[in-house]
Amino acid sequence: MAQTHSPDPNAYFIPHHSKWPFVGSVAMFITMLGVASWLNDVTWGMWMFYAGLFGLCATLFMWFGDVIRESVRGQYNSQVDVSFRMGMVWFIFSEVMFFAAFFGALFYARSLSLPWLGGSGDGVMTNSLLWDGFGAAWPSAGPGQVGGEFQTIPAWGLPLLNTLILLTSGVTLTIAHHALKAGRRAQVLFWLGTTIALGVTFAFVQGYEYVHAYRDLNLTLGSGIYGSTFFMLTGFHGAHVLLGTIMLAVMWLRVARGHFDRDNHFAFEASAWYWHFVDVVWLGLFLFVYVV
């Protein structure tokens, strides 16, 4: 089981000098240089991008490994625990602002830009100045039907299924958390494993939905403003689901190795916070992207 925290509450743990911030910065620079070169058709751009991405993932793996080893050695006390909690709160807040910007873009395109282009209101630009005959109705590909005609994905099919999957995963994760606080490791592993399986299922269903959209509905990133906002919002959320699933998988391994006890398991709690945040964001996506 996990070791107890430092007996001295006034001794704030200060780690030794770490090479990982520098290595991570180099990896990020290589990644961005690679993607910029790739977008400009430089032959080595794609390989540099993947090399930088691999280096960044390796840096995160090794860096978090150092943090885990310091934790299980009992080098962290309650003051460090508070720092971790504050860090996670600010991280999730930054993610809230991230999605708020995306939802704001959807609101602007749907509720402000379309009426302006449609010529509604007093003194606003009329569609005759840009594209005569433009219909200000959502979903829209914009004037001239950028990307061609397309169909939307019905809310009560795959999106509803994924909603039920994520809501269920939030319940199973909560059960796992209560089992951890009760010291029942076998139950934690079962319910946490179920949550991970539900996260993988969500990603699989969303991938199938994307294939269906491209192949059968002509709904692509090139489908004007609707296509770009649809894939921007759902795609970035899907990336967060994958990240959350990886975090929970790491927590499963740590529970199996006995890194946590009833009182000291903030890494598990932080992953649970993140997963519940992902659940809430999806409810907003389901309502404003698929239903309304």
C-alpha atoms as a PDB file:
ATOM      1  CA  MET A   1       0.000   0.000   0.000  1.00  0.00           C
ATOM      2  CA  ALA A   2       0.972   3.640  -0.340  1.00  0.00           C
ATOM      3  CA  GLN A   3       3.344   5.068   2.232  1.00  0.00           C
ATOM      4  CA  THR A   4       2.195   7.829   4.539  1.00  0.00           C
ATOM      5  CA  HIS A   5       2.928  11.471   3.885  1.00  0.00           C
ATOM      6  CA  SER A   6       5.881  13.311   5.374  1.00  0.00           C
ATOM      7  CA  PRO A   7       5.486  13.584   9.165  1.00  0.00           C
ATOM      8  CA  ASP A   8       6.639  17.212   9.093  1.00  0.00           C
ATOM      9  CA  PRO A   9       3.776  19.361   7.739  1.00  0.00           C
ATOM     10  CA  ASN A  10       6.079  22.371   7.467  1.00  0.00           C
ATOM     11  CA  ALA A  11       8.662  20.638   5.252  1.00  0.00           C
ATOM     12  CA  TYR A  12       7.482  21.399   1.750  1.00  0.00           C
ATOM     13  CA  PHE A  13       9.030  18.931  -0.677  1.00  0.00           C
ATOM     14  CA  ILE A  14      11.269  20.586  -3.274  1.00  0.00           C
ATOM     15  CA  PRO A  15      12.346  18.216  -6.052  1.00  0.00           C
ATOM     16  CA  HIS A  16      15.834  18.090  -7.486  1.00  0.00           C
ATOM     17  CA  HIS A  17      16.596  19.859 -10.733  1.00  0.00           C
ATOM     18  CA  SER A  18      14.719  18.130 -13.546  1.00  0.00           C
ATOM     19  CA  LYS A  19      15.704  17.860 -17.192  1.00  0.00           C
ATOM     20  CA  TRP A  20      12.135  17.211 -18.343  1.00  0.00           C
ATOM     21  CA  PRO A  21      10.984  20.857 -18.752  1.00  0.00           C
ATOM     22  CA  PHE A  22      13.898  21.491 -21.110  1.00  0.00           C
ATOM     23  CA  VAL A  23      13.428  18.194 -22.978  1.00  0.00           C
ATOM     24  CA  GLY A  24       9.694  18.843 -23.258  1.00  0.00           C
ATOM     25  CA  SER A  25      10.288  22.335 -24.657  1.00  0.00           C
ATOM     26  CA  VAL A  26      12.623  20.930 -27.312  1.00  0.00           C
ATOM     27  CA  ALA A  27      10.067  18.255 -28.208  1.00  0.00           C
ATOM     28  CA  MET A  28       7.298  20.860 -28.522  1.00  0.00           C
ATOM     29  CA  PHE A  29       9.496  23.028 -30.736  1.00  0.00           C
ATOM     30  CA  ILE A  30      10.270  20.068 -33.007  1.00  0.00           C
ATOM     31  CA  THR A  31       6.570  19.174 -33.135  1.00  0.00           C
ATOM     32  CA  MET A  32       5.473  22.676 -34.142  1.00  0.00           C
ATOM     33  CA  LEU A  33       8.310  23.055 -36.648  1.00  0.00           C
ATOM     34  CA  GLY A  34       7.338  19.697 -38.125  1.00  0.00           C
ATOM     35  CA  VAL A  35       3.640  20.493 -38.488  1.00  0.00           C
ATOM     36  CA  ALA A  36       4.398  23.926 -39.975  1.00  0.00           C
ATOM     37  CA  SER A  37       6.773  22.336 -42.488  1.00  0.00           C
ATOM     38  CA  TRP A  38       4.269  19.574 -43.247  1.00  0.00           C
ATOM     39  CA  LEU A  39       1.524  22.107 -44.008  1.00  0.00           C
ATOM     40  CA  ASN A  40       3.924  23.845 -46.398  1.00  0.00           C
ATOM     41  CA  ASP A  41       4.657  20.577 -48.250  1.00  0.00           C
ATOM     42  CA  VAL A  42       8.215  20.177 -46.962  1.00  0.00           C
ATOM     43  CA  THR A  43       9.196  16.540 -47.473  1.00  0.00           C
ATOM     44  CA  TRP A  44      10.627  15.985 -43.990  1.00  0.00           C
ATOM     45  CA  GLY A  45       7.872  17.898 -42.181  1.00  0.00           C
ATOM     46  CA  MET A  46       5.663  14.888 -41.452  1.00  0.00           C
ATOM     47  CA  TRP A  47       8.521  12.848 -40.003  1.00  0.00           C
ATOM     48  CA  MET A  48       9.706  15.747 -37.853  1.00  0.00           C
ATOM     49  CA  PHE A  49       6.164  16.194 -36.548  1.00  0.00           C
ATOM     50  CA  TYR A  50       5.882  12.539 -35.530  1.00  0.00           C
ATOM     51  CA  ALA A  51       9.372  12.582 -34.018  1.00  0.00           C
ATOM     52  CA  GLY A  52       8.507  15.624 -31.911  1.00  0.00           C
ATOM     53  CA  LEU A  53       5.175  14.100 -30.895  1.00  0.00           C
ATOM     54  CA  PHE A  54       6.901  10.901 -29.828  1.00  0.00           C
ATOM     55  CA  GLY A  55       9.447  12.899 -27.841  1.00  0.00           C
ATOM     56  CA  LEU A  56       6.693  14.872 -26.139  1.00  0.00           C
ATOM     57  CA  CYS A  57       4.787  11.715 -25.171  1.00  0.00           C
ATOM     58  CA  ALA A  58       7.991  10.110 -23.880  1.00  0.00           C
ATOM     59  CA  THR A  59       8.771  13.234 -21.841  1.00  0.00           C
ATOM     60  CA  LEU A  60       5.334  13.203 -20.229  1.00  0.00           C
ATOM     61  CA  PHE A  61       5.654   9.483 -19.481  1.00  0.00           C
ATOM     62  CA  MET A  62       9.034   9.888 -17.791  1.00  0.00           C
ATOM     63  CA  TRP A  63       8.092  13.105 -15.988  1.00  0.00           C
ATOM     64  CA  PHE A  64       4.907  11.683 -14.500  1.00  0.00           C
ATOM     65  CA  GLY A  65       6.889   8.566 -13.614  1.00  0.00           C
ATOM     66  CA  ASP A  66       9.190  10.720 -11.468  1.00  0.00           C
ATOM     67  CA  VAL A  67       6.173  12.295  -9.743  1.00  0.00           C
ATOM     68  CA  ILE A  68       4.653   8.878  -9.029  1.00  0.00           C
ATOM     69  CA  ARG A  69       7.910   7.557  -7.573  1.00  0.00           C
ATOM     70  CA  GLU A  70       8.220  10.609  -5.315  1.00  0.00           C
ATOM     71  CA  SER A  71       4.648  10.083  -4.158  1.00  0.00           C
ATOM     72  CA  VAL A  72       4.969   6.390  -3.282  1.00  0.00           C
ATOM     73  CA  ARG A  73       8.201   7.126  -1.372  1.00  0.00           C
ATOM     74  CA  GLY A  74       6.185   9.342   0.961  1.00  0.00           C
ATOM     75  CA  GLN A  75       7.968  12.563  -0.008  1.00  0.00           C
ATOM     76  CA  TYR A  76       4.745  14.568  -0.343  1.00  0.00           C
ATOM     77  CA  ASN A  77       2.876  16.047   2.594  1.00  0.00           C
ATOM     78  CA  SER A  78      -0.428  17.887   2.973  1.00  0.00           C
ATOM     79  CA  GLN A  79       1.015  21.139   1.619  1.00  0.00           C
ATOM     80  CA  VAL A  80       2.084  19.416  -1.588  1.00  0.00           C
ATOM     81  CA  ASP A  81      -1.352  17.816  -1.773  1.00  0.00           C
ATOM     82  CA  VAL A  82      -2.947  21.269  -1.687  1.00  0.00           C
ATOM     83  CA  SER A  83      -0.623  22.411  -4.489  1.00  0.00           C
ATOM     84  CA  PHE A  84      -1.639  19.449  -6.625  1.00  0.00           C
ATOM     85  CA  ARG A  85      -5.308  20.170  -6.018  1.00  0.00           C
ATOM     86  CA  MET A  86      -4.936  23.833  -6.915  1.00  0.00           C
ATOM     87  CA  GLY A  87      -3.007  22.877 -10.047  1.00  0.00           C
ATOM     88  CA  MET A  88      -5.733  20.473 -11.167  1.00  0.00           C
ATOM     89  CA  VAL A  89      -8.461  23.037 -10.469  1.00  0.00           C
ATOM     90  CA  TRP A  90      -6.693  25.630 -12.630  1.00  0.00           C
ATOM     91  CA  PHE A  91      -6.037  23.064 -15.350  1.00  0.00           C
ATOM     92  CA  ILE A  92      -9.729  22.138 -15.553  1.00  0.00           C
ATOM     93  CA  PHE A  93     -10.630  25.841 -15.479  1.00  0.00           C
ATOM     94  CA  SER A  94      -8.373  26.391 -18.497  1.00  0.00           C
ATOM     95  CA  GLU A  95     -10.184  23.550 -20.245  1.00  0.00           C
ATOM     96  CA  VAL A  96     -13.520  25.171 -19.391  1.00  0.00           C
ATOM     97  CA  MET A  97     -12.344  28.376 -21.073  1.00  0.00           C
ATOM     98  CA  PHE A  98     -11.082  26.343 -24.012  1.00  0.00           C
ATOM     99  CA  PHE A  99     -14.505  24.852 -24.681  1.00  0.00           C
ATOM    100  CA  ALA A 100     -16.233  28.131 -23.835  1.00  0.00           C
ATOM    101  CA  ALA A 101     -14.385  29.692 -26.782  1.00  0.00           C
ATOM    102  CA  PHE A 102     -15.574  26.886 -29.064  1.00  0.00           C
ATOM    103  CA  PHE A 103     -19.171  27.131 -27.870  1.00  0.00           C
ATOM    104  CA  GLY A 104     -18.880  30.897 -28.313  1.00  0.00           C
ATOM    105  CA  ALA A 105     -17.805  30.383 -31.924  1.00  0.00           C
ATOM    106  CA  LEU A 106     -20.843  28.164 -32.479  1.00  0.00           C
ATOM    107  CA  PHE A 107     -23.146  30.765 -30.916  1.00  0.00           C
ATOM    108  CA  TYR A 108     -21.615  33.577 -32.969  1.00  0.00           C
ATOM    109  CA  ALA A 109     -21.913  31.676 -36.247  1.00  0.00           C
ATOM    110  CA  ARG A 110     -25.439  30.459 -35.590  1.00  0.00           C
ATOM    111  CA  SER A 111     -27.126  33.299 -33.719  1.00  0.00           C
ATOM    112  CA  LEU A 112     -25.289  36.386 -34.976  1.00  0.00           C
ATOM    113  CA  SER A 113     -23.576  35.800 -38.330  1.00  0.00           C
ATOM    114  CA  LEU A 114     -26.451  33.993 -40.028  1.00  0.00           C
ATOM    115  CA  PRO A 115     -29.058  36.696 -39.241  1.00  0.00           C
ATOM    116  CA  TRP A 116     -26.651  39.379 -40.422  1.00  0.00           C
ATOM    117  CA  LEU A 117     -25.942  37.577 -43.674  1.00  0.00           C
ATOM    118  CA  GLY A 118     -29.657  36.918 -44.083  1.00  0.00           C
ATOM    119  CA  GLY A 119     -30.406  40.624 -43.966  1.00  0.00           C
ATOM    120  CA  SER A 120     -32.439  40.651 -40.743  1.00  0.00           C
ATOM    121  CA  GLY A 121     -32.477  43.644 -38.428  1.00  0.00           C
ATOM    122  CA  ASP A 122     -32.056  47.359 -39.119  1.00  0.00           C
ATOM    123  CA  GLY A 123     -28.990  48.674 -40.784  1.00  0.00           C
ATOM    124  CA  VAL A 124     -27.213  45.325 -41.084  1.00  0.00           C
ATOM    125  CA  MET A 125     -25.533  43.897 -44.112  1.00  0.00           C
ATOM    126  CA  THR A 126     -27.887  42.182 -46.533  1.00  0.00           C
ATOM    127  CA  ASN A 127     -27.219  38.977 -48.379  1.00  0.00           C
ATOM    128  CA  SER A 128     -27.617  40.729 -51.728  1.00  0.00           C
ATOM    129  CA  LEU A 129     -24.242  42.414 -51.139  1.00  0.00           C
ATOM    130  CA  LEU A 130     -22.489  39.082 -50.725  1.00  0.00           C
ATOM    131  CA  TRP A 131     -24.558  36.249 -52.123  1.00  0.00           C
ATOM    132  CA  ASP A 132     -27.993  36.855 -53.540  1.00  0.00           C
ATOM    133  CA  GLY A 133     -30.531  34.304 -52.410  1.00  0.00           C
ATOM    134  CA  PHE A 134     -28.597  33.122 -49.360  1.00  0.00           C
ATOM    135  CA  GLY A 135     -30.851  31.407 -46.828  1.00  0.00           C
ATOM    136  CA  ALA A 136     -30.047  32.174 -43.206  1.00  0.00           C
ATOM    137  CA  ALA A 137     -31.072  28.787 -41.816  1.00  0.00           C
ATOM    138  CA  TRP A 138     -29.073  26.458 -39.579  1.00  0.00           C
ATOM    139  CA  PRO A 139     -27.354  24.129 -40.374  1.00  0.00           C
ATOM    140  CA  SER A 140     -25.598  26.163 -43.017  1.00  0.00           C
ATOM    141  CA  ALA A 141     -22.578  25.622 -45.221  1.00  0.00           C
ATOM    142  CA  GLY A 142     -22.436  29.348 -45.865  1.00  0.00           C
ATOM    143  CA  PRO A 143     -23.098  31.364 -49.023  1.00  0.00           C
ATOM    144  CA  GLY A 144     -22.664  29.200 -52.086  1.00  0.00           C
ATOM    145  CA  GLN A 145     -23.019  25.972 -50.085  1.00  0.00           C
ATOM    146  CA  VAL A 146     -19.306  25.552 -49.373  1.00  0.00           C
ATOM    147  CA  GLY A 147     -18.466  21.875 -49.666  1.00  0.00           C
ATOM    148  CA  GLY A 148     -21.780  20.980 -51.296  1.00  0.00           C
ATOM    149  CA  GLU A 149     -25.027  19.686 -49.882  1.00  0.00           C
ATOM    150  CA  PHE A 150     -24.784  17.587 -46.734  1.00  0.00           C
ATOM    151  CA  GLN A 151     -26.952  15.913 -44.125  1.00  0.00           C
ATOM    152  CA  THR A 152     -26.670  16.223 -40.356  1.00  0.00           C
ATOM    153  CA  ILE A 153     -26.389  13.360 -37.886  1.00  0.00           C
ATOM    154  CA  PRO A 154     -29.679  12.709 -36.031  1.00  0.00           C
ATOM    155  CA  ALA A 155     -29.393  13.320 -32.300  1.00  0.00           C
ATOM    156  CA  TRP A 156     -31.409  10.267 -31.308  1.00  0.00           C
ATOM    157  CA  GLY A 157     -29.109   7.697 -32.897  1.00  0.00           C
ATOM    158  CA  LEU A 158     -25.383   7.363 -32.219  1.00  0.00           C
ATOM    159  CA  PRO A 159     -25.116  10.672 -30.297  1.00  0.00           C
ATOM    160  CA  LEU A 160     -27.771   9.520 -27.836  1.00  0.00           C
ATOM    161  CA  LEU A 161     -25.991   6.176 -27.461  1.00  0.00           C
ATOM    162  CA  ASN A 162     -22.721   7.948 -26.687  1.00  0.00           C
ATOM    163  CA  THR A 163     -24.520  10.183 -24.194  1.00  0.00           C
ATOM    164  CA  LEU A 164     -25.802   7.144 -22.332  1.00  0.00           C
ATOM    165  CA  ILE A 165     -22.325   5.598 -22.445  1.00  0.00           C
ATOM    166  CA  LEU A 166     -20.669   8.660 -20.898  1.00  0.00           C
ATOM    167  CA  LEU A 167     -23.352   9.109 -18.249  1.00  0.00           C
ATOM    168  CA  THR A 168     -22.976   5.450 -17.293  1.00  0.00           C
ATOM    169  CA  SER A 169     -19.193   5.831 -17.130  1.00  0.00           C
ATOM    170  CA  GLY A 170     -19.626   8.691 -14.658  1.00  0.00           C
ATOM    171  CA  VAL A 171     -21.691   6.395 -12.419  1.00  0.00           C
ATOM    172  CA  THR A 172     -19.220   3.505 -12.592  1.00  0.00           C
ATOM    173  CA  LEU A 173     -16.310   5.844 -11.822  1.00  0.00           C
ATOM    174  CA  THR A 174     -18.141   7.214  -8.775  1.00  0.00           C
ATOM    175  CA  ILE A 175     -18.741   3.653  -7.555  1.00  0.00           C
ATOM    176  CA  ALA A 176     -15.033   2.926  -8.015  1.00  0.00           C
ATOM    177  CA  HIS A 177     -14.126   6.034  -6.015  1.00  0.00           C
ATOM    178  CA  HIS A 178     -16.384   5.030  -3.117  1.00  0.00           C
ATOM    179  CA  ALA A 179     -14.905   1.528  -3.196  1.00  0.00           C
ATOM    180  CA  LEU A 180     -11.415   3.011  -2.999  1.00  0.00           C
ATOM    181  CA  LYS A 181     -12.360   5.086   0.046  1.00  0.00           C
ATOM    182  CA  ALA A 182     -13.762   1.912   1.601  1.00  0.00           C
ATOM    183  CA  GLY A 183     -10.539   0.011   0.936  1.00  0.00           C
ATOM    184  CA  ARG A 184     -12.098  -2.579  -1.435  1.00  0.00           C
ATOM    185  CA  ARG A 185      -9.431  -2.882  -4.108  1.00  0.00           C
ATOM    186  CA  ALA A 186     -11.088  -5.661  -6.133  1.00  0.00           C
ATOM    187  CA  GLN A 187     -14.228  -3.572  -6.558  1.00  0.00           C
ATOM    188  CA  VAL A 188     -12.164  -0.534  -7.504  1.00  0.00           C
ATOM    189  CA  LEU A 189     -10.429  -2.499 -10.245  1.00  0.00           C
ATOM    190  CA  PHE A 190     -13.713  -3.864 -11.591  1.00  0.00           C
ATOM    191  CA  TRP A 191     -15.633  -0.597 -11.711  1.00  0.00           C
ATOM    192  CA  LEU A 192     -12.646   1.435 -12.885  1.00  0.00           C
ATOM    193  CA  GLY A 193     -12.019  -1.131 -15.611  1.00  0.00           C
ATOM    194  CA  THR A 194     -15.671  -0.830 -16.615  1.00  0.00           C
ATOM    195  CA  THR A 195     -15.273   2.939 -16.872  1.00  0.00           C
ATOM    196  CA  ILE A 196     -12.221   2.530 -19.090  1.00  0.00           C
ATOM    197  CA  ALA A 197     -14.123   0.084 -21.327  1.00  0.00           C
ATOM    198  CA  LEU A 198     -16.966   2.587 -21.648  1.00  0.00           C
ATOM    199  CA  GLY A 199     -14.494   5.327 -22.607  1.00  0.00           C
ATOM    200  CA  VAL A 200     -13.003   3.113 -25.331  1.00  0.00           C
ATOM    201  CA  THR A 201     -16.516   2.286 -26.547  1.00  0.00           C
ATOM    202  CA  PHE A 202     -17.380   5.986 -26.751  1.00  0.00           C
ATOM    203  CA  ALA A 203     -14.300   6.657 -28.888  1.00  0.00           C
ATOM    204  CA  PHE A 204     -15.135   3.713 -31.159  1.00  0.00           C
ATOM    205  CA  VAL A 205     -18.740   4.895 -31.651  1.00  0.00           C
ATOM    206  CA  GLN A 206     -17.585   8.434 -32.398  1.00  0.00           C
ATOM    207  CA  GLY A 207     -15.072   7.121 -34.927  1.00  0.00           C
ATOM    208  CA  TYR A 208     -17.842   5.146 -36.633  1.00  0.00           C
ATOM    209  CA  GLU A 209     -19.990   8.294 -36.626  1.00  0.00           C
ATOM    210  CA  TYR A 210     -17.238  10.243 -38.385  1.00  0.00           C
ATOM    211  CA  VAL A 211     -16.844   7.547 -41.048  1.00  0.00           C
ATOM    212  CA  HIS A 212     -20.611   7.587 -41.603  1.00  0.00           C
ATOM    213  CA  ALA A 213     -20.625  11.393 -41.842  1.00  0.00           C
ATOM    214  CA  TYR A 214     -17.842  11.495 -44.449  1.00  0.00           C
ATOM    215  CA  ARG A 215     -18.905   8.469 -46.479  1.00  0.00           C
ATOM    216  CA  ASP A 216     -22.701   8.709 -46.456  1.00  0.00           C
ATOM    217  CA  LEU A 217     -23.720  12.250 -45.486  1.00  0.00           C
ATOM    218  CA  ASN A 218     -21.033  14.360 -47.200  1.00  0.00           C
ATOM    219  CA  LEU A 219     -20.534  16.045 -43.830  1.00  0.00           C
ATOM    220  CA  THR A 220     -16.839  16.928 -43.697  1.00  0.00           C
ATOM    221  CA  LEU A 221     -14.521  19.594 -42.360  1.00  0.00           C
ATOM    222  CA  GLY A 222     -15.064  21.328 -45.689  1.00  0.00           C
ATOM    223  CA  SER A 223     -18.836  21.583 -45.211  1.00  0.00           C
ATOM    224  CA  GLY A 224     -18.771  25.298 -44.491  1.00  0.00           C
ATOM    225  CA  ILE A 225     -19.275  26.751 -41.039  1.00  0.00           C
ATOM    226  CA  TYR A 226     -21.428  23.863 -39.822  1.00  0.00           C
ATOM    227  CA  GLY A 227     -18.879  21.207 -40.737  1.00  0.00           C
ATOM    228  CA  SER A 228     -15.965  23.104 -39.221  1.00  0.00           C
ATOM    229  CA  THR A 229     -17.725  23.849 -35.925  1.00  0.00           C
ATOM    230  CA  PHE A 230     -19.180  20.332 -35.708  1.00  0.00           C
ATOM    231  CA  PHE A 231     -15.839  18.565 -36.081  1.00  0.00           C
ATOM    232  CA  MET A 232     -13.996  21.183 -34.029  1.00  0.00           C
ATOM    233  CA  LEU A 233     -16.282  20.708 -31.020  1.00  0.00           C
ATOM    234  CA  THR A 234     -16.850  16.955 -31.208  1.00  0.00           C
ATOM    235  CA  GLY A 235     -13.286  16.195 -32.307  1.00  0.00           C
ATOM    236  CA  PHE A 236     -11.603  18.075 -29.488  1.00  0.00           C
ATOM    237  CA  HIS A 237     -14.010  16.526 -27.028  1.00  0.00           C
ATOM    238  CA  GLY A 238     -13.143  13.096 -28.407  1.00  0.00           C
ATOM    239  CA  ALA A 239      -9.460  13.872 -27.881  1.00  0.00           C
ATOM    240  CA  HIS A 240     -10.259  14.716 -24.258  1.00  0.00           C
ATOM    241  CA  VAL A 241     -12.099  11.414 -23.874  1.00  0.00           C
ATOM    242  CA  LEU A 242      -9.017   9.570 -25.134  1.00  0.00           C
ATOM    243  CA  LEU A 243      -6.786  11.510 -22.737  1.00  0.00           C
ATOM    244  CA  GLY A 244      -9.158  10.816 -19.855  1.00  0.00           C
ATOM    245  CA  THR A 245      -9.242   7.119 -20.740  1.00  0.00           C
ATOM    246  CA  ILE A 246      -5.438   6.991 -20.666  1.00  0.00           C
ATOM    247  CA  MET A 247      -5.431   8.722 -17.275  1.00  0.00           C
ATOM    248  CA  LEU A 248      -7.937   6.210 -15.889  1.00  0.00           C
ATOM    249  CA  ALA A 249      -5.917   3.318 -17.306  1.00  0.00           C
ATOM    250  CA  VAL A 250      -2.852   4.599 -15.452  1.00  0.00           C
ATOM    251  CA  MET A 251      -4.966   4.855 -12.291  1.00  0.00           C
ATOM    252  CA  TRP A 252      -6.075   1.223 -12.772  1.00  0.00           C
ATOM    253  CA  LEU A 253      -2.449   0.120 -12.878  1.00  0.00           C
ATOM    254  CA  ARG A 254      -1.595   2.191  -9.820  1.00  0.00           C
ATOM    255  CA  VAL A 255      -4.526   0.754  -7.868  1.00  0.00           C
ATOM    256  CA  ALA A 256      -3.429  -2.751  -8.851  1.00  0.00           C
ATOM    257  CA  ARG A 257       0.087  -1.999  -7.542  1.00  0.00           C
ATOM    258  CA  GLY A 258      -1.244  -0.636  -4.252  1.00  0.00           C
ATOM    259  CA  HIS A 259      -0.198   2.990  -4.699  1.00  0.00           C
ATOM    260  CA  PHE A 260      -3.329   4.359  -3.022  1.00  0.00           C
ATOM    261  CA  ASP A 261      -5.050   3.974   0.318  1.00  0.00           C
ATOM    262  CA  ARG A 262      -8.318   5.277   1.738  1.00  0.00           C
ATOM    263  CA  ASP A 263      -6.958   8.717   2.549  1.00  0.00           C
ATOM    264  CA  ASN A 264      -4.142   9.339   0.046  1.00  0.00           C
ATOM    265  CA  HIS A 265      -5.326   8.961  -3.544  1.00  0.00           C
ATOM    266  CA  PHE A 266      -5.487  12.415  -5.065  1.00  0.00           C
ATOM    267  CA  ALA A 267      -4.203  11.215  -8.455  1.00  0.00           C
ATOM    268  CA  PHE A 268      -7.323   9.060  -8.679  1.00  0.00           C
ATOM    269  CA  GLU A 269      -9.515  11.980  -7.614  1.00  0.00           C
ATOM    270  CA  ALA A 270      -7.894  14.304 -10.163  1.00  0.00           C
ATOM    271  CA  SER A 271      -8.562  11.811 -12.957  1.00  0.00           C
ATOM    272  CA  ALA A 272     -12.160  11.491 -11.748  1.00  0.00           C
ATOM    273  CA  TRP A 273     -12.573  15.288 -11.765  1.00  0.00           C
ATOM    274  CA  TYR A 274     -11.318  15.393 -15.326  1.00  0.00           C
ATOM    275  CA  TRP A 275     -13.632  12.588 -16.424  1.00  0.00           C
ATOM    276  CA  HIS A 276     -16.692  14.225 -14.902  1.00  0.00           C
ATOM    277  CA  PHE A 277     -15.722  17.478 -16.628  1.00  0.00           C
ATOM    278  CA  VAL A 278     -15.611  15.606 -19.942  1.00  0.00           C
ATOM    279  CA  ASP A 279     -19.087  14.210 -19.181  1.00  0.00           C
ATOM    280  CA  VAL A 280     -20.536  17.676 -18.552  1.00  0.00           C
ATOM    281  CA  VAL A 281     -19.004  19.093 -21.737  1.00  0.00           C
ATOM    282  CA  TRP A 282     -20.555  16.269 -23.751  1.00  0.00           C
ATOM    283  CA  LEU A 283     -24.014  17.082 -22.376  1.00  0.00           C
ATOM    284  CA  GLY A 284     -23.560  20.609 -23.704  1.00  0.00           C
ATOM    285  CA  LEU A 285     -22.384  19.262 -27.050  1.00  0.00           C
ATOM    286  CA  PHE A 286     -25.302  16.866 -27.317  1.00  0.00           C
ATOM    287  CA  LEU A 287     -27.779  19.650 -26.605  1.00  0.00           C
ATOM    288  CA  PHE A 288     -26.367  22.505 -28.688  1.00  0.00           C
ATOM    289  CA  VAL A 289     -24.737  20.581 -31.549  1.00  0.00           C
ATOM    290  CA  TYR A 290     -27.067  17.650 -32.102  1.00  0.00           C
ATOM    291  CA  VAL A 291     -30.470  18.486 -30.575  1.00  0.00           C
ATOM    292  CA  VAL A 292     -31.080  22.242 -30.877  1.00  0.00           C
END
